[in-house]
C-alpha atoms as a PDB file:
ATOM      1  CA  MET A   1      25.204 -37.997   2.355  1.00  0.00           C
ATOM      2  CA  THR A   2      26.142 -34.215   2.946  1.00  0.00           C
ATOM      3  CA  THR A   3      25.293 -32.853   6.471  1.00  0.00           C
ATOM      4  CA  VAL A   4      23.879 -29.447   7.505  1.00  0.00           C
ATOM      5  CA  SER A   5      26.784 -28.508   9.426  1.00  0.00           C
ATOM      6  CA  SER A   6      29.024 -29.533   6.552  1.00  0.00           C
ATOM      7  CA  VAL A   7      27.187 -26.951   4.208  1.00  0.00           C
ATOM      8  CA  LEU A   8      27.315 -24.294   6.690  1.00  0.00           C
ATOM      9  CA  GLU A   9      31.017 -24.325   7.153  1.00  0.00           C
ATOM     10  CA  GLN A  10      31.551 -23.768   3.347  1.00  0.00           C
ATOM     11  CA  PRO A  11      31.883 -20.227   1.952  1.00  0.00           C
ATOM     12  CA  ILE A  12      28.891 -19.058  -0.266  1.00  0.00           C
ATOM     13  CA  ARG A  13      29.538 -20.037  -3.779  1.00  0.00           C
ATOM     14  CA  SER A  14      27.424 -20.015  -6.994  1.00  0.00           C
ATOM     15  CA  ASP A  15      29.376 -23.012  -8.840  1.00  0.00           C
ATOM     16  CA  TRP A  16      27.343 -25.937  -7.857  1.00  0.00           C
ATOM     17  CA  SER A  17      27.485 -29.113  -9.812  1.00  0.00           C
ATOM     18  CA  SER A  18      24.370 -31.063 -10.659  1.00  0.00           C
ATOM     19  CA  GLU A  19      25.262 -34.035  -8.089  1.00  0.00           C
ATOM     20  CA  GLU A  20      25.466 -31.383  -5.284  1.00  0.00           C
ATOM     21  CA  VAL A  21      21.912 -29.892  -6.053  1.00  0.00           C
ATOM     22  CA  ARG A  22      20.449 -33.593  -6.449  1.00  0.00           C
ATOM     23  CA  THR A  23      21.953 -33.938  -2.863  1.00  0.00           C
ATOM     24  CA  LEU A  24      20.179 -31.068  -1.758  1.00  0.00           C
ATOM     25  CA  PHE A  25      17.037 -32.381  -3.283  1.00  0.00           C
ATOM     26  CA  ASP A  26      17.388 -35.652  -1.284  1.00  0.00           C
ATOM     27  CA  TRP A  27      17.582 -34.035   2.112  1.00  0.00           C
ATOM     28  CA  PRO A  28      14.581 -34.083   4.479  1.00  0.00           C
ATOM     29  CA  PHE A  29      12.814 -30.908   4.270  1.00  0.00           C
ATOM     30  CA  PRO A  30      12.974 -29.683   7.844  1.00  0.00           C
ATOM     31  CA  ASP A  31      16.999 -30.088   7.385  1.00  0.00           C
ATOM     32  CA  LEU A  32      16.731 -28.302   4.244  1.00  0.00           C
ATOM     33  CA  ILE A  33      14.647 -25.369   5.961  1.00  0.00           C
ATOM     34  CA  PHE A  34      17.153 -25.299   9.077  1.00  0.00           C
ATOM     35  CA  ALA A  35      20.265 -25.036   6.851  1.00  0.00           C
ATOM     36  CA  ALA A  36      18.895 -22.014   4.885  1.00  0.00           C
ATOM     37  CA  GLN A  37      17.727 -20.275   7.996  1.00  0.00           C
ATOM     38  CA  SER A  38      21.179 -20.733   9.739  1.00  0.00           C
ATOM     39  CA  LEU A  39      22.877 -19.181   6.514  1.00  0.00           C
ATOM     40  CA  HIS A  40      20.519 -16.364   6.250  1.00  0.00           C
ATOM     41  CA  ARG A  41      21.085 -15.734  10.113  1.00  0.00           C
ATOM     42  CA  ARG A  42      24.763 -15.528   9.515  1.00  0.00           C
ATOM     43  CA  HIS A  43      24.557 -12.855   7.046  1.00  0.00           C
ATOM     44  CA  PHE A  44      21.439 -10.881   7.952  1.00  0.00           C
ATOM     45  CA  ASP A  45      20.240  -9.601  11.299  1.00  0.00           C
ATOM     46  CA  PRO A  46      17.308 -11.767  12.288  1.00  0.00           C
ATOM     47  CA  ALA A  47      15.713  -9.147  14.305  1.00  0.00           C
ATOM     48  CA  ALA A  48      15.974  -6.547  11.360  1.00  0.00           C
ATOM     49  CA  VAL A  49      12.529  -6.131   9.840  1.00  0.00           C
ATOM     50  CA  GLN A  50      12.232  -4.805   5.954  1.00  0.00           C
ATOM     51  CA  ILE A  51       9.934  -2.115   5.347  1.00  0.00           C
ATOM     52  CA  SER A  52       8.706  -1.677   1.888  1.00  0.00           C
ATOM     53  CA  THR A  53       6.150   0.947   0.227  1.00  0.00           C
ATOM     54  CA  LEU A  54       3.699   0.148  -2.479  1.00  0.00           C
ATOM     55  CA  LEU A  55       4.479   2.695  -5.319  1.00  0.00           C
ATOM     56  CA  SER A  56       1.338   1.962  -7.321  1.00  0.00           C
ATOM     57  CA  ILE A  57      -1.334  -0.684  -8.309  1.00  0.00           C
ATOM     58  CA  LYS A  58      -2.213  -0.824 -11.974  1.00  0.00           C
ATOM     59  CA  THR A  59      -5.344  -2.904 -12.735  1.00  0.00           C
END
């Protein structure tokens, strides 16, 4: 089984095989969330807040 730490050591990539994706689907949900949060924190400031402005609402 692939571990969170082994995934975090790999460079970011977009050429995942079907077997690798299936392995991720088999992970426990808390481990998957932890890995995603760790990767996000590596590349983005966790204290930064994104501010957005609503331009218009059409109903």
